[in-house]
Amino acid sequence: MLAGFVSAASGADVVIPHSNAGRFAPAVADAVGAKLVCLDSLLPGGDPDPEWTEFMRSRELPDGLLAPWSTWWPREDVQASVGEYWDLLVTDEPRVPLRLLLEQPPASQDWLARRSGYIAFGHGYAAQASLAEANGWEVRRLDGEHLHLLTAPDEVADTVLEVVERLD
């Protein structure tokens, strides 16, 4: 799986993962020689939460792929988070294998020491933002929800550019 991510990021100057993709991001950024700015994402390591693992297993369909992300919670909850962007969210929504969310990807022993950035939206990934900050990463916190990159793209893009500039 990691090889596919590295291939997709080949030639990138900056790797910008969101959500679960952050677990793979340090290895991808290292492999392609890119800067790293995580958006409200998990980071490598840590033990899987048994409740989360069971929740994810309950979303797996017989073909081995997870149901579309937007169906994991009640529609009204997701729609309240994204408002007018609902149609954009669910159009061509990818389905991914369960192992993508449960697999522990490789990461170098010193991945936290690399100069990187982290942008948190709200408090859902506060522990990851704090870990990044404690290790000297450029950290910004925006007032928003997990899909803030969809509902406030200009603010998120400006913040990404600000963080990337600080990484130079």
C-alpha atoms as a PDB file:
ATOM      1  CA  MET A   1       0.000   0.000   0.000  1.00  0.00           C
ATOM      2  CA  LEU A   2       2.798   2.412   0.906  1.00  0.00           C
ATOM      3  CA  ALA A   3       4.428   1.945  -2.502  1.00  0.00           C
ATOM      4  CA  GLY A   4       1.256   3.203  -4.193  1.00  0.00           C
ATOM      5  CA  PHE A   5       1.208   6.322  -2.009  1.00  0.00           C
ATOM      6  CA  VAL A   6       4.887   6.979  -2.717  1.00  0.00           C
ATOM      7  CA  SER A   7       4.267   6.591  -6.443  1.00  0.00           C
ATOM      8  CA  ALA A   8       1.331   9.005  -6.325  1.00  0.00           C
ATOM      9  CA  ALA A   9       3.441  11.599  -4.453  1.00  0.00           C
ATOM     10  CA  SER A  10       6.471  11.272  -6.714  1.00  0.00           C
ATOM     11  CA  GLY A  11       7.783  14.725  -7.567  1.00  0.00           C
ATOM     12  CA  ALA A  12       5.781  16.478  -4.836  1.00  0.00           C
ATOM     13  CA  ASP A  13       7.334  19.378  -2.973  1.00  0.00           C
ATOM     14  CA  VAL A  14       4.914  19.018  -0.059  1.00  0.00           C
ATOM     15  CA  VAL A  15       2.907  16.015   1.157  1.00  0.00           C
ATOM     16  CA  ILE A  16      -0.384  17.183   2.710  1.00  0.00           C
ATOM     17  CA  PRO A  17      -2.306  14.269   4.236  1.00  0.00           C
ATOM     18  CA  HIS A  18      -5.700  14.475   5.897  1.00  0.00           C
ATOM     19  CA  SER A  19      -7.233  12.162   8.478  1.00  0.00           C
ATOM     20  CA  ASN A  20      -5.978   8.559   8.432  1.00  0.00           C
ATOM     21  CA  ALA A  21      -3.529   9.305   5.587  1.00  0.00           C
ATOM     22  CA  GLY A  22      -1.314  11.052   8.114  1.00  0.00           C
ATOM     23  CA  ARG A  23      -0.182   7.681   9.458  1.00  0.00           C
ATOM     24  CA  PHE A  24       1.542   6.997   6.117  1.00  0.00           C
ATOM     25  CA  ALA A  25       2.698  10.561   5.451  1.00  0.00           C
ATOM     26  CA  PRO A  26       6.127  10.708   7.132  1.00  0.00           C
ATOM     27  CA  ALA A  27       7.242   7.612   5.211  1.00  0.00           C
ATOM     28  CA  VAL A  28       5.843   9.029   1.957  1.00  0.00           C
ATOM     29  CA  ALA A  29       7.428  12.461   2.497  1.00  0.00           C
ATOM     30  CA  ASP A  30      10.771  10.849   3.340  1.00  0.00           C
ATOM     31  CA  ALA A  31      10.622   8.610   0.268  1.00  0.00           C
ATOM     32  CA  VAL A  32       9.962  11.476  -2.152  1.00  0.00           C
ATOM     33  CA  GLY A  33      12.038  14.119  -0.374  1.00  0.00           C
ATOM     34  CA  ALA A  34       9.076  16.402   0.313  1.00  0.00           C
ATOM     35  CA  LYS A  35       8.020  18.658   3.154  1.00  0.00           C
ATOM     36  CA  LEU A  36       5.142  17.441   5.312  1.00  0.00           C
ATOM     37  CA  VAL A  37       2.092  19.375   6.522  1.00  0.00           C
ATOM     38  CA  CYS A  38      -0.594  17.220   8.141  1.00  0.00           C
ATOM     39  CA  LEU A  39      -4.228  18.360   8.097  1.00  0.00           C
ATOM     40  CA  ASP A  40      -6.243  17.175  11.089  1.00  0.00           C
ATOM     41  CA  SER A  41      -4.703  13.743  10.793  1.00  0.00           C
ATOM     42  CA  LEU A  42      -3.549  10.745  12.710  1.00  0.00           C
ATOM     43  CA  LEU A  43       0.181  10.198  13.000  1.00  0.00           C
ATOM     44  CA  PRO A  44       2.155   6.942  12.918  1.00  0.00           C
ATOM     45  CA  GLY A  45       2.319   4.714  15.954  1.00  0.00           C
ATOM     46  CA  GLY A  46       0.052   4.180  18.875  1.00  0.00           C
ATOM     47  CA  ASP A  47      -2.027   1.162  19.645  1.00  0.00           C
ATOM     48  CA  PRO A  48      -5.285   0.784  17.730  1.00  0.00           C
ATOM     49  CA  ASP A  49      -8.362   1.629  19.765  1.00  0.00           C
ATOM     50  CA  PRO A  50     -10.386  -1.620  20.121  1.00  0.00           C
ATOM     51  CA  GLU A  51     -13.698   0.275  19.865  1.00  0.00           C
ATOM     52  CA  TRP A  52     -12.552   2.077  16.708  1.00  0.00           C
ATOM     53  CA  THR A  53     -11.325  -1.212  15.230  1.00  0.00           C
ATOM     54  CA  GLU A  54     -14.702  -2.849  15.871  1.00  0.00           C
ATOM     55  CA  PHE A  55     -16.525   0.194  14.482  1.00  0.00           C
ATOM     56  CA  MET A  56     -14.433  -0.026  11.302  1.00  0.00           C
ATOM     57  CA  ARG A  57     -14.928  -3.792  10.962  1.00  0.00           C
ATOM     58  CA  SER A  58     -18.695  -3.198  11.115  1.00  0.00           C
ATOM     59  CA  ARG A  59     -18.378  -0.902   8.051  1.00  0.00           C
ATOM     60  CA  GLU A  60     -16.642  -3.519   5.898  1.00  0.00           C
ATOM     61  CA  LEU A  61     -18.801  -4.904   3.090  1.00  0.00           C
ATOM     62  CA  PRO A  62     -18.567  -8.414   1.585  1.00  0.00           C
ATOM     63  CA  ASP A  63     -16.257  -7.182  -1.214  1.00  0.00           C
ATOM     64  CA  GLY A  64     -13.598  -6.336   1.408  1.00  0.00           C
ATOM     65  CA  LEU A  65     -13.990  -2.588   1.004  1.00  0.00           C
ATOM     66  CA  LEU A  66     -15.476  -0.195   3.500  1.00  0.00           C
ATOM     67  CA  ALA A  67     -18.800   1.430   2.861  1.00  0.00           C
ATOM     68  CA  PRO A  68     -18.430   5.055   1.704  1.00  0.00           C
ATOM     69  CA  TRP A  69     -17.157   7.277   4.518  1.00  0.00           C
ATOM     70  CA  SER A  70     -20.233   9.487   4.506  1.00  0.00           C
ATOM     71  CA  THR A  71     -22.384   6.482   5.495  1.00  0.00           C
ATOM     72  CA  TRP A  72     -20.448   5.634   8.649  1.00  0.00           C
ATOM     73  CA  TRP A  73     -22.511   8.065  10.732  1.00  0.00           C
ATOM     74  CA  PRO A  74     -26.081   9.327  10.462  1.00  0.00           C
ATOM     75  CA  ARG A  75     -26.457  11.437   7.306  1.00  0.00           C
ATOM     76  CA  GLU A  76     -27.829  14.406   9.249  1.00  0.00           C
ATOM     77  CA  ASP A  77     -24.672  14.491  11.418  1.00  0.00           C
ATOM     78  CA  VAL A  78     -22.311  14.463   8.435  1.00  0.00           C
ATOM     79  CA  GLN A  79     -24.488  16.875   6.477  1.00  0.00           C
ATOM     80  CA  ALA A  80     -24.542  19.285   9.431  1.00  0.00           C
ATOM     81  CA  SER A  81     -20.749  19.276   9.351  1.00  0.00           C
ATOM     82  CA  VAL A  82     -20.432  19.987   5.621  1.00  0.00           C
ATOM     83  CA  GLY A  83     -23.635  21.923   4.921  1.00  0.00           C
ATOM     84  CA  GLU A  84     -23.962  22.947   1.295  1.00  0.00           C
ATOM     85  CA  TYR A  85     -20.963  20.791   0.348  1.00  0.00           C
ATOM     86  CA  TRP A  86     -22.786  17.474   0.828  1.00  0.00           C
ATOM     87  CA  ASP A  87     -23.034  16.736  -2.899  1.00  0.00           C
ATOM     88  CA  LEU A  88     -19.352  17.523  -3.401  1.00  0.00           C
ATOM     89  CA  LEU A  89     -18.426  15.219  -0.517  1.00  0.00           C
ATOM     90  CA  VAL A  90     -20.340  12.200  -1.785  1.00  0.00           C
ATOM     91  CA  THR A  91     -19.620  12.561  -5.509  1.00  0.00           C
ATOM     92  CA  ASP A  92     -17.187   9.829  -6.502  1.00  0.00           C
ATOM     93  CA  GLU A  93     -16.560   9.072  -2.847  1.00  0.00           C
ATOM     94  CA  PRO A  94     -13.778   6.474  -2.735  1.00  0.00           C
ATOM     95  CA  ARG A  95     -14.125   3.158  -0.985  1.00  0.00           C
ATOM     96  CA  VAL A  96     -11.014   1.795   0.633  1.00  0.00           C
ATOM     97  CA  PRO A  97      -9.957  -1.557   2.078  1.00  0.00           C
ATOM     98  CA  LEU A  98     -10.304  -1.985   5.821  1.00  0.00           C
ATOM     99  CA  ARG A  99      -6.591  -2.711   6.118  1.00  0.00           C
ATOM    100  CA  LEU A 100      -5.842   0.873   5.027  1.00  0.00           C
ATOM    101  CA  LEU A 101      -7.317   2.077   8.306  1.00  0.00           C
ATOM    102  CA  LEU A 102      -5.996  -0.684  10.552  1.00  0.00           C
ATOM    103  CA  GLU A 103      -2.524  -1.352   9.149  1.00  0.00           C
ATOM    104  CA  GLN A 104       0.414   0.146  11.036  1.00  0.00           C
ATOM    105  CA  PRO A 105       2.528   1.712   8.288  1.00  0.00           C
ATOM    106  CA  PRO A 106       6.303   1.886   8.568  1.00  0.00           C
ATOM    107  CA  ALA A 107       7.909   5.057   9.842  1.00  0.00           C
ATOM    108  CA  SER A 108      11.531   5.881  10.456  1.00  0.00           C
ATOM    109  CA  GLN A 109      12.597   5.948  14.094  1.00  0.00           C
ATOM    110  CA  ASP A 110      13.199   9.680  13.883  1.00  0.00           C
ATOM    111  CA  TRP A 111      10.066  10.668  11.948  1.00  0.00           C
ATOM    112  CA  LEU A 112       8.984  13.075  14.684  1.00  0.00           C
ATOM    113  CA  ALA A 113      12.343  14.871  14.467  1.00  0.00           C
ATOM    114  CA  ARG A 114      11.786  15.914  10.839  1.00  0.00           C
ATOM    115  CA  ARG A 115      10.794  19.585  10.462  1.00  0.00           C
ATOM    116  CA  SER A 116       7.107  19.382   9.587  1.00  0.00           C
ATOM    117  CA  GLY A 117       3.771  21.094  10.084  1.00  0.00           C
ATOM    118  CA  TYR A 118       0.417  20.187  11.554  1.00  0.00           C
ATOM    119  CA  ILE A 119      -2.885  22.028  11.125  1.00  0.00           C
ATOM    120  CA  ALA A 120      -5.683  20.972  13.467  1.00  0.00           C
ATOM    121  CA  PHE A 121      -9.367  21.668  12.861  1.00  0.00           C
ATOM    122  CA  GLY A 122     -11.179  21.817  16.168  1.00  0.00           C
ATOM    123  CA  HIS A 123     -10.324  19.294  18.888  1.00  0.00           C
ATOM    124  CA  GLY A 124     -10.779  15.875  17.262  1.00  0.00           C
ATOM    125  CA  TYR A 125      -7.048  15.333  16.779  1.00  0.00           C
ATOM    126  CA  ALA A 126      -5.804  17.425  19.705  1.00  0.00           C
ATOM    127  CA  ALA A 127      -3.454  14.671  20.902  1.00  0.00           C
ATOM    128  CA  GLN A 128      -1.744  14.483  17.510  1.00  0.00           C
ATOM    129  CA  ALA A 129      -1.405  18.291  17.302  1.00  0.00           C
ATOM    130  CA  SER A 130       0.082  18.327  20.813  1.00  0.00           C
ATOM    131  CA  LEU A 131       2.530  15.543  19.930  1.00  0.00           C
ATOM    132  CA  ALA A 132       3.630  17.433  16.826  1.00  0.00           C
ATOM    133  CA  GLU A 133       3.984  20.665  18.790  1.00  0.00           C
ATOM    134  CA  ALA A 134       5.969  18.976  21.563  1.00  0.00           C
ATOM    135  CA  ASN A 135       8.412  17.793  18.898  1.00  0.00           C
ATOM    136  CA  GLY A 136       8.983  21.224  17.390  1.00  0.00           C
ATOM    137  CA  TRP A 137       6.621  21.048  14.423  1.00  0.00           C
ATOM    138  CA  GLU A 138       4.913  24.190  13.134  1.00  0.00           C
ATOM    139  CA  VAL A 139       1.382  23.804  14.509  1.00  0.00           C
ATOM    140  CA  ARG A 140      -1.716  25.867  13.747  1.00  0.00           C
ATOM    141  CA  ARG A 141      -5.197  25.356  15.136  1.00  0.00           C
ATOM    142  CA  LEU A 142      -8.202  26.476  13.110  1.00  0.00           C
ATOM    143  CA  ASP A 143     -11.722  26.755  14.429  1.00  0.00           C
ATOM    144  CA  GLY A 144     -13.564  24.179  12.369  1.00  0.00           C
ATOM    145  CA  GLU A 145     -14.548  20.555  12.023  1.00  0.00           C
ATOM    146  CA  HIS A 146     -12.729  17.599  10.516  1.00  0.00           C
ATOM    147  CA  LEU A 147     -13.757  18.532   6.967  1.00  0.00           C
ATOM    148  CA  HIS A 148     -12.754  22.192   7.330  1.00  0.00           C
ATOM    149  CA  LEU A 149     -10.654  21.831   4.170  1.00  0.00           C
ATOM    150  CA  LEU A 150     -13.949  21.343   2.310  1.00  0.00           C
ATOM    151  CA  THR A 151     -15.957  24.067   4.045  1.00  0.00           C
ATOM    152  CA  ALA A 152     -13.202  26.718   4.317  1.00  0.00           C
ATOM    153  CA  PRO A 153     -10.705  25.904   1.542  1.00  0.00           C
ATOM    154  CA  ASP A 154      -9.232  29.404   1.290  1.00  0.00           C
ATOM    155  CA  GLU A 155      -8.485  29.580   5.019  1.00  0.00           C
ATOM    156  CA  VAL A 156      -6.934  26.117   4.979  1.00  0.00           C
ATOM    157  CA  ALA A 157      -4.878  26.844   1.841  1.00  0.00           C
ATOM    158  CA  ASP A 158      -3.589  30.122   3.294  1.00  0.00           C
ATOM    159  CA  THR A 159      -2.619  28.332   6.502  1.00  0.00           C
ATOM    160  CA  VAL A 160      -0.869  25.545   4.583  1.00  0.00           C
ATOM    161  CA  LEU A 161       1.136  28.140   2.648  1.00  0.00           C
ATOM    162  CA  GLU A 162       2.031  29.941   5.883  1.00  0.00           C
ATOM    163  CA  VAL A 163       3.241  26.709   7.479  1.00  0.00           C
ATOM    164  CA  VAL A 164       5.195  25.630   4.370  1.00  0.00           C
ATOM    165  CA  GLU A 165       6.908  29.033   4.312  1.00  0.00           C
ATOM    166  CA  ARG A 166       7.967  28.514   7.946  1.00  0.00           C
ATOM    167  CA  LEU A 167       9.472  25.147   6.998  1.00  0.00           C
ATOM    168  CA  ASP A 168      11.895  26.729   4.493  1.00  0.00           C
END
